[in-house]
Amino acid sequence: MYKAIELELENNNVLKITLNRPEKRNAFNDEVIRELTQIFSKEALDDKIRIIVLKGAGSAFCAGGDLQWISKSIELSYAENLKDTRALSQMFATINDCPKPLIGLIHGAAIGGGVGLVSVCDIAIATERTLFSLSEARLGIVAACIGPFVISKIGASNARRFFISSERFYAPKAQEIGLIHEVVADEKELLLLCKKIIEGILQCGPNAINIAKKFVLDMSWPEKRAQFPNCLHYTAEMLANIRVSEEGQEGVRAFLEKRKPKWL
């Protein structure tokens, strides 16, 4: 069904998405952008999916834009370039807004748009020798489409440095600035930690996790936060709704009765 992306459903509730262009170090092109947008608009929203894992095949997570894809922009008109960049922006927004928890397994390299993908992961873990760079300025362009997501993750101060310098840095620095959450020794450790994280998430209420993610996005993104001028009312209403929901009632009862909730 997909040419650039490989999908695998594990235990009927974990969707594994693999960028599958190892010969191109999983770099973006029109096909990758189209397929990722479709997957996060369709398969990822299936009710049975509890968790999504995103990774790259071969030697790198994602090396940014495919050179052939980048080079065509020279020949395109402004309108044609705008169509391209809007598709790219929409892809990142679609992934970012996906209600399911997204775990990113980062190895090898995450360059340019690859950093954008890391930024839209809810939990990002990387091997210690993974290389990162916001390298667009070296090409005379700007990391604009990924900008809102990267800035949301690492803050304006770090973004000002790395957007301008285009310098390379490794996983420990990426963790220091908030781009990733955990650093492990190698890919074997990456998979072990991922398994542990999945086990922890599956202990939680499925609906509660989705609402928690939406809550964080609503509270942290300026355009979303603007929809809730009365923040205290919004937060109180959200918790009240969850408390009276079937899942909320079951979770509290299970805790008080010292038993497992029905979703386990």
Protein backbone atom coordinates (compact mmCIF):
# COMPACT_ATOMS: atom_id res chain seq x y z
CA MET A 1 0.00 0.00 0.00
CA TYR A 2 2.88 2.37 0.80
CA LYS A 3 6.17 2.59 -1.08
CA ALA A 4 8.33 4.77 1.16
CA ILE A 5 6.86 3.75 4.52
CA GLU A 6 6.56 0.35 6.17
CA LEU A 7 3.74 -0.33 8.61
CA GLU A 8 3.58 -3.07 11.22
CA LEU A 9 0.87 -3.70 13.79
CA GLU A 10 2.28 -5.25 16.95
CA ASN A 11 0.08 -6.93 19.57
CA ASN A 12 -2.90 -5.44 17.76
CA ASN A 13 -2.45 -2.05 19.45
CA VAL A 14 1.03 -0.68 18.65
CA LEU A 15 1.50 0.74 15.16
CA LYS A 16 5.13 0.77 14.05
CA ILE A 17 5.93 3.23 11.26
CA THR A 18 9.30 2.84 9.57
CA LEU A 19 10.72 5.36 7.12
CA ASN A 20 11.86 2.87 4.48
CA ARG A 21 14.26 4.60 2.11
CA PRO A 22 17.55 3.40 3.61
CA GLU A 23 19.46 4.04 0.39
CA LYS A 24 18.51 7.75 0.76
CA ARG A 25 18.96 7.75 4.54
CA ASN A 26 15.16 8.12 4.74
CA ALA A 27 15.24 11.64 3.31
CA PHE A 28 11.97 13.41 2.47
CA ASN A 29 10.49 13.60 -0.99
CA ASP A 30 6.94 14.11 -2.26
CA GLU A 31 6.13 10.44 -1.75
CA VAL A 32 7.30 10.37 1.88
CA ILE A 33 5.37 13.55 2.67
CA ARG A 34 2.19 12.25 1.03
CA GLU A 35 2.39 8.83 2.68
CA LEU A 36 3.16 10.10 6.19
CA THR A 37 0.28 12.57 5.93
CA GLN A 38 -2.08 9.81 4.85
CA ILE A 39 -0.95 7.37 7.55
CA PHE A 40 -1.40 9.90 10.35
CA SER A 41 -4.77 10.89 8.89
CA LYS A 42 -6.01 7.31 8.55
CA GLU A 43 -4.25 4.24 10.03
CA ALA A 44 -2.96 6.09 13.09
CA LEU A 45 -6.51 7.11 14.04
CA ASP A 46 -7.86 3.55 14.16
CA ASP A 47 -9.55 2.99 17.53
CA LYS A 48 -7.55 -0.15 18.26
CA ILE A 49 -4.22 1.73 18.02
CA ARG A 50 -2.96 2.72 21.46
CA ILE A 51 0.63 3.75 20.67
CA ILE A 52 2.64 4.71 17.58
CA VAL A 53 6.37 4.12 17.16
CA LEU A 54 8.30 6.02 14.47
CA LYS A 55 11.75 4.92 13.33
CA GLY A 56 14.03 4.82 10.28
CA ALA A 57 15.40 1.84 8.36
CA GLY A 58 19.13 1.51 7.69
CA SER A 59 21.86 3.82 8.96
CA ALA A 60 19.84 6.92 9.83
CA PHE A 61 16.53 8.09 11.21
CA CYS A 62 16.02 10.85 8.63
CA ALA A 63 18.61 12.91 6.77
CA GLY A 64 16.25 15.76 5.90
CA GLY A 65 15.27 16.59 2.34
CA ASP A 66 16.17 14.34 -0.57
CA LEU A 67 18.66 16.20 -2.79
CA GLN A 68 16.63 15.50 -5.91
CA TRP A 69 13.50 16.78 -4.18
CA ILE A 70 15.33 19.91 -2.98
CA SER A 71 16.89 20.60 -6.37
CA LYS A 72 13.55 20.74 -8.16
CA SER A 73 12.61 23.84 -6.15
CA ILE A 74 15.03 25.83 -8.30
CA GLU A 75 12.85 25.24 -11.36
CA LEU A 76 9.48 25.74 -9.66
CA SER A 77 7.49 28.97 -9.63
CA TYR A 78 6.54 30.69 -6.39
CA ALA A 79 3.04 29.15 -6.59
CA GLU A 80 4.48 25.68 -7.17
CA ASN A 81 6.96 26.08 -4.32
CA LEU A 82 4.15 27.27 -2.06
CA LYS A 83 2.14 24.15 -2.86
CA ASP A 84 5.17 22.03 -1.91
CA THR A 85 5.89 23.85 1.33
CA ARG A 86 2.24 23.82 2.38
CA ALA A 87 2.17 20.05 1.94
CA LEU A 88 5.29 19.76 4.11
CA SER A 89 3.87 22.05 6.82
CA GLN A 90 0.60 20.12 6.78
CA MET A 91 2.45 16.81 7.21
CA PHE A 92 4.18 18.02 10.38
CA ALA A 93 0.92 19.50 11.71
CA THR A 94 -0.95 16.26 11.04
CA ILE A 95 1.65 14.20 12.90
CA ASN A 96 1.84 16.72 15.75
CA ASP A 97 -1.94 16.75 16.23
CA CYS A 98 -2.35 12.96 16.12
CA PRO A 99 -4.14 12.06 19.38
CA LYS A 100 -2.17 8.85 19.94
CA PRO A 101 1.14 8.81 21.88
CA LEU A 102 4.05 8.91 19.42
CA ILE A 103 7.43 7.45 20.39
CA GLY A 104 10.41 8.34 18.19
CA LEU A 105 13.40 5.98 18.01
CA ILE A 106 16.24 8.13 16.71
CA HIS A 107 19.53 6.72 15.46
CA GLY A 108 22.33 7.61 13.06
CA ALA A 109 21.28 11.11 12.07
CA ALA A 110 18.34 13.51 12.20
CA ILE A 111 19.08 16.44 9.91
CA GLY A 112 16.84 19.37 8.92
CA GLY A 113 13.37 17.95 8.45
CA GLY A 114 14.50 14.93 10.45
CA VAL A 115 14.76 17.24 13.46
CA GLY A 116 11.23 18.34 12.63
CA LEU A 117 10.06 14.74 12.90
CA VAL A 118 11.83 14.37 16.25
CA SER A 119 10.07 17.52 17.43
CA VAL A 120 6.57 16.16 16.80
CA CYS A 121 7.25 12.98 18.79
CA ASP A 122 5.74 12.94 22.28
CA ILE A 123 8.61 10.82 23.56
CA ALA A 124 11.94 10.86 21.70
CA ILE A 125 14.86 8.61 22.58
CA ALA A 126 18.16 8.43 20.73
CA THR A 127 21.45 6.57 20.62
CA GLU A 128 24.32 8.64 22.01
CA ARG A 129 26.14 8.96 18.66
CA THR A 130 23.08 10.21 16.79
CA LEU A 131 23.95 13.40 14.90
CA PHE A 132 21.54 16.35 14.77
CA SER A 133 21.60 19.54 12.73
CA LEU A 134 19.25 22.29 11.60
CA SER A 135 21.30 22.73 8.45
CA GLU A 136 18.93 24.67 6.19
CA ALA A 137 20.82 27.99 6.45
CA ARG A 138 23.85 26.34 4.85
CA LEU A 139 21.72 25.95 1.72
CA GLY A 140 20.61 29.55 1.88
CA ILE A 141 17.13 28.63 3.07
CA VAL A 142 15.34 28.56 6.43
CA ALA A 143 13.89 25.75 8.58
CA ALA A 144 10.48 27.41 8.35
CA CYS A 145 8.04 24.49 7.97
CA ILE A 146 9.50 22.68 10.97
CA GLY A 147 10.07 25.92 12.88
CA PRO A 148 6.92 26.06 15.04
CA PHE A 149 7.40 22.46 16.19
CA VAL A 150 11.14 22.73 16.84
CA ILE A 151 10.79 26.04 18.69
CA SER A 152 7.97 24.58 20.79
CA LYS A 153 10.31 21.74 21.76
CA ILE A 154 13.65 23.48 22.37
CA GLY A 155 12.59 27.07 23.09
CA ALA A 156 13.42 30.32 21.34
CA SER A 157 16.90 30.69 22.84
CA ASN A 158 18.18 27.35 21.56
CA ALA A 159 16.36 27.80 18.26
CA ARG A 160 18.08 31.15 17.68
CA ARG A 161 21.43 29.46 18.11
CA PHE A 162 20.92 26.33 16.05
CA PHE A 163 18.77 27.83 13.28
CA ILE A 164 21.47 30.43 12.68
CA SER A 165 24.66 28.42 13.23
CA SER A 166 23.52 25.19 11.50
CA GLU A 167 26.09 23.50 13.71
CA ARG A 168 26.05 19.76 14.30
CA PHE A 169 25.51 18.26 17.74
CA TYR A 170 25.06 14.84 19.23
CA ALA A 171 22.36 13.22 21.36
CA PRO A 172 23.61 14.44 24.78
CA LYS A 173 23.28 18.06 23.61
CA ALA A 174 19.90 17.26 22.03
CA GLN A 175 18.76 15.97 25.41
CA GLU A 176 20.16 19.03 27.18
CA ILE A 177 18.09 21.40 25.02
CA GLY A 178 14.92 19.30 25.28
CA LEU A 179 14.80 17.91 21.74
CA ILE A 180 14.98 14.33 23.01
CA HIS A 181 14.17 12.80 26.38
CA GLU A 182 16.55 9.87 26.82
CA VAL A 183 19.97 8.85 25.47
CA VAL A 184 21.00 5.19 25.24
CA ALA A 185 24.18 3.45 24.16
CA ASP A 186 23.02 1.70 20.99
CA GLU A 187 20.06 0.52 18.94
CA LYS A 188 19.58 -2.59 21.08
CA GLU A 189 19.15 -0.37 24.13
CA LEU A 190 16.85 1.85 22.09
CA LEU A 191 14.46 -1.06 21.51
CA LEU A 192 14.61 -2.18 25.13
CA LEU A 193 13.76 1.29 26.42
CA CYS A 194 10.97 1.61 23.86
CA LYS A 195 9.46 -1.65 25.09
CA LYS A 196 9.59 -0.40 28.68
CA ILE A 197 7.92 2.89 27.73
CA ILE A 198 5.18 1.05 25.81
CA GLU A 199 4.51 -1.20 28.78
CA GLY A 200 4.11 1.86 30.99
CA ILE A 201 1.75 3.66 28.61
CA LEU A 202 -0.45 0.58 28.24
CA GLN A 203 -1.10 0.70 32.00
CA CYS A 204 -2.89 4.03 31.51
CA GLY A 205 -6.43 4.71 30.43
CA PRO A 206 -6.56 4.92 26.61
CA ASN A 207 -8.88 7.91 26.59
CA ALA A 208 -6.98 9.65 29.39
CA ILE A 209 -3.74 9.48 27.39
CA ASN A 210 -5.33 10.99 24.30
CA ILE A 211 -6.94 13.79 26.32
CA ALA A 212 -3.67 14.44 28.17
CA LYS A 213 -1.84 14.93 24.87
CA LYS A 214 -4.55 17.29 23.59
CA PHE A 215 -4.42 19.20 26.88
CA VAL A 216 -0.68 19.82 26.60
CA LEU A 217 -1.03 20.98 22.97
CA ASP A 218 -3.95 23.24 23.87
CA MET A 219 -2.03 24.83 26.71
CA SER A 220 1.35 25.21 24.97
CA TRP A 221 0.55 26.32 21.42
CA PRO A 222 -0.33 30.06 21.21
CA GLU A 223 -3.02 29.67 18.53
CA LYS A 224 -4.61 26.79 20.44
CA ARG A 225 -4.30 28.51 23.81
CA ALA A 226 -6.11 31.53 22.32
CA GLN A 227 -9.21 29.33 21.94
CA PHE A 228 -9.36 29.02 25.74
CA PRO A 229 -9.28 32.57 27.15
CA ASN A 230 -10.66 31.30 30.44
CA CYS A 231 -7.94 28.74 31.17
CA LEU A 232 -9.21 27.87 34.66
CA HIS A 233 -12.69 27.09 33.33
CA TYR A 234 -11.25 24.93 30.56
CA THR A 235 -9.07 22.89 32.91
CA ALA A 236 -11.82 22.42 35.50
CA GLU A 237 -14.31 21.38 32.83
CA MET A 238 -11.86 18.91 31.31
CA LEU A 239 -11.21 17.13 34.61
CA ALA A 240 -14.91 17.10 35.51
CA ASN A 241 -15.75 15.47 32.18
CA ILE A 242 -13.08 12.82 32.66
CA ARG A 243 -14.21 12.09 36.22
CA VAL A 244 -17.76 11.27 35.10
CA SER A 245 -16.65 9.31 32.03
CA GLU A 246 -16.86 5.52 31.99
CA GLU A 247 -13.06 5.21 31.88
CA GLY A 248 -12.53 7.72 34.68
CA GLN A 249 -15.09 6.03 36.91
CA GLU A 250 -13.57 2.61 36.26
CA GLY A 251 -10.02 3.80 36.90
CA VAL A 252 -10.81 5.34 40.27
CA ARG A 253 -12.95 2.37 41.36
CA ALA A 254 -10.19 -0.06 40.39
CA PHE A 255 -7.66 1.93 42.41
CA LEU A 256 -9.90 2.05 45.48
CA GLU A 257 -10.77 -1.64 45.17
CA LYS A 258 -7.11 -2.55 44.63
CA ARG A 259 -7.70 -4.33 41.36
CA LYS A 260 -6.68 -3.89 37.74
CA PRO A 261 -8.85 -1.60 35.60
CA LYS A 262 -10.81 -3.21 32.76
CA TRP A 263 -8.47 -1.85 30.06
CA LEU A 264 -5.61 -4.07 31.30
